[in-house]
């Protein structure tokens, strides 16, 4: 599994956060191995995301 964040992603932190929330909703609160990998990728993307403009 690659843990690098794609530099082409220009999503805001809010957009990535919504995807993280959707992942948790789909999982029912327990992540599978594949979902954990996706979660880790999303958290890294979220940390590097473009901040939402006010």
N, C-alpha and C. Protein backbone atom coordinates (compact mmCIF):
# COMPACT_ATOMS: atom_id res chain seq x y z
N UNK A 1 0.84 -1.18 0.00
CA UNK A 1 0.00 0.00 0.00
C UNK A 1 0.88 1.23 0.00
N UNK A 2 0.57 2.12 -0.87
CA UNK A 2 1.28 3.39 -0.92
C UNK A 2 0.62 4.36 0.04
N UNK A 3 1.43 5.07 0.81
CA UNK A 3 0.89 6.08 1.72
C UNK A 3 1.19 7.48 1.25
N UNK A 4 1.61 7.61 0.00
CA UNK A 4 1.88 8.94 -0.54
C UNK A 4 0.58 9.60 -0.97
N UNK A 5 0.53 10.88 -0.77
CA UNK A 5 -0.65 11.66 -1.16
C UNK A 5 -0.43 12.14 -2.58
N UNK A 6 -1.43 11.94 -3.41
CA UNK A 6 -1.32 12.38 -4.80
C UNK A 6 -1.29 13.90 -4.85
N UNK A 7 -0.25 14.44 -5.49
CA UNK A 7 -0.11 15.88 -5.56
C UNK A 7 -1.15 16.52 -6.47
N UNK A 8 -1.78 15.73 -7.31
CA UNK A 8 -2.78 16.27 -8.23
C UNK A 8 -4.10 16.59 -7.52
N UNK A 9 -4.26 16.11 -6.30
CA UNK A 9 -5.49 16.35 -5.56
C UNK A 9 -5.56 17.80 -5.12
N UNK A 10 -6.62 18.46 -5.49
CA UNK A 10 -6.81 19.84 -5.09
C UNK A 10 -8.08 19.99 -4.26
N UNK A 11 -8.49 18.89 -3.63
CA UNK A 11 -9.70 18.94 -2.82
C UNK A 11 -9.42 19.70 -1.52
N UNK A 12 -10.46 20.32 -1.00
CA UNK A 12 -10.32 21.01 0.28
C UNK A 12 -10.36 19.99 1.41
N UNK A 13 -9.90 20.42 2.58
CA UNK A 13 -9.96 19.56 3.77
C UNK A 13 -11.40 19.16 4.05
N UNK A 14 -12.35 20.06 3.83
CA UNK A 14 -13.76 19.73 4.06
C UNK A 14 -14.24 18.62 3.13
N UNK A 15 -13.82 18.66 1.88
CA UNK A 15 -14.22 17.64 0.91
C UNK A 15 -13.66 16.27 1.31
N UNK A 16 -12.40 16.24 1.71
CA UNK A 16 -11.79 14.97 2.11
C UNK A 16 -12.43 14.48 3.40
N UNK A 17 -12.70 15.40 4.32
CA UNK A 17 -13.34 15.03 5.57
C UNK A 17 -14.70 14.39 5.32
N UNK A 18 -15.45 14.91 4.38
CA UNK A 18 -16.75 14.32 4.04
C UNK A 18 -16.58 12.89 3.53
N UNK A 19 -15.53 12.65 2.73
CA UNK A 19 -15.28 11.29 2.25
C UNK A 19 -14.91 10.36 3.40
N UNK A 20 -14.15 10.87 4.36
CA UNK A 20 -13.81 10.07 5.55
C UNK A 20 -15.07 9.72 6.32
N UNK A 21 -15.94 10.69 6.50
CA UNK A 21 -17.20 10.43 7.22
C UNK A 21 -18.06 9.40 6.49
N UNK A 22 -18.10 9.50 5.16
CA UNK A 22 -18.88 8.55 4.37
C UNK A 22 -18.30 7.14 4.51
N UNK A 23 -16.98 7.03 4.54
CA UNK A 23 -16.34 5.73 4.73
C UNK A 23 -16.77 5.11 6.06
N UNK A 24 -16.76 5.89 7.12
CA UNK A 24 -17.17 5.38 8.42
C UNK A 24 -18.65 4.99 8.42
N UNK A 25 -19.49 5.78 7.76
CA UNK A 25 -20.93 5.43 7.68
C UNK A 25 -21.12 4.12 6.94
N UNK A 26 -20.42 3.95 5.81
CA UNK A 26 -20.54 2.71 5.04
C UNK A 26 -20.05 1.50 5.82
N UNK A 27 -19.05 1.70 6.65
CA UNK A 27 -18.44 0.57 7.35
C UNK A 27 -19.25 0.15 8.57
N UNK A 28 -20.14 0.98 9.02
CA UNK A 28 -20.90 0.67 10.22
C UNK A 28 -20.07 0.80 11.49
N UNK A 29 -18.94 1.50 11.40
CA UNK A 29 -18.12 1.75 12.57
C UNK A 29 -16.94 0.80 12.74
N UNK A 30 -16.84 -0.21 11.89
CA UNK A 30 -15.72 -1.15 11.95
C UNK A 30 -15.11 -1.25 10.56
N UNK A 31 -13.84 -0.84 10.44
CA UNK A 31 -13.19 -0.83 9.14
C UNK A 31 -12.52 -2.17 8.84
N UNK A 32 -12.71 -2.65 7.61
CA UNK A 32 -11.99 -3.83 7.14
C UNK A 32 -10.56 -3.43 6.84
N UNK A 33 -9.73 -4.39 6.51
CA UNK A 33 -8.33 -4.10 6.17
C UNK A 33 -8.27 -3.13 5.00
N UNK A 34 -9.06 -3.37 3.96
CA UNK A 34 -9.06 -2.49 2.80
C UNK A 34 -9.55 -1.09 3.16
N UNK A 35 -10.58 -1.03 4.00
CA UNK A 35 -11.12 0.26 4.40
C UNK A 35 -10.12 1.03 5.27
N UNK A 36 -9.36 0.31 6.11
CA UNK A 36 -8.33 0.96 6.92
C UNK A 36 -7.26 1.58 6.04
N UNK A 37 -6.90 0.88 4.98
CA UNK A 37 -5.92 1.42 4.04
C UNK A 37 -6.46 2.67 3.37
N UNK A 38 -7.73 2.64 2.97
CA UNK A 38 -8.34 3.82 2.37
C UNK A 38 -8.40 4.97 3.38
N UNK A 39 -8.75 4.65 4.62
CA UNK A 39 -8.82 5.66 5.68
C UNK A 39 -7.46 6.33 5.88
N UNK A 40 -6.40 5.52 5.94
CA UNK A 40 -5.06 6.08 6.11
C UNK A 40 -4.70 7.00 4.96
N UNK A 41 -5.03 6.59 3.74
CA UNK A 41 -4.76 7.44 2.57
C UNK A 41 -5.53 8.75 2.67
N UNK A 42 -6.80 8.66 3.07
CA UNK A 42 -7.63 9.85 3.17
C UNK A 42 -7.13 10.80 4.26
N UNK A 43 -6.69 10.25 5.38
CA UNK A 43 -6.19 11.11 6.46
C UNK A 43 -4.93 11.86 6.01
N UNK A 44 -4.07 11.19 5.28
CA UNK A 44 -2.88 11.87 4.75
C UNK A 44 -3.28 12.95 3.76
N UNK A 45 -4.26 12.64 2.92
CA UNK A 45 -4.74 13.65 1.95
C UNK A 45 -5.37 14.82 2.69
N UNK A 46 -6.15 14.53 3.73
CA UNK A 46 -6.79 15.57 4.52
C UNK A 46 -5.75 16.50 5.14
N UNK A 47 -4.68 15.91 5.69
CA UNK A 47 -3.64 16.70 6.35
C UNK A 47 -2.94 17.63 5.35
N UNK A 48 -2.86 17.22 4.09
CA UNK A 48 -2.17 18.01 3.07
C UNK A 48 -3.14 18.85 2.23
N UNK A 49 -4.42 18.77 2.54
CA UNK A 49 -5.45 19.40 1.71
C UNK A 49 -5.39 20.93 1.77
N UNK A 50 -5.95 21.51 0.72
CA UNK A 50 -6.08 22.95 0.63
C UNK A 50 -7.12 23.40 1.66
N UNK A 51 -6.78 24.36 2.51
CA UNK A 51 -7.77 24.83 3.49
C UNK A 51 -8.97 25.48 2.80
N UNK A 52 -10.11 25.36 3.41
CA UNK A 52 -11.34 25.96 2.88
C UNK A 52 -11.26 27.48 3.07
N UNK A 53 -11.57 28.23 2.02
CA UNK A 53 -11.59 29.68 2.12
C UNK A 53 -12.82 30.14 2.87
N UNK A 54 -12.67 31.17 3.65
CA UNK A 54 -13.80 31.69 4.44
C UNK A 54 -14.74 32.50 3.58
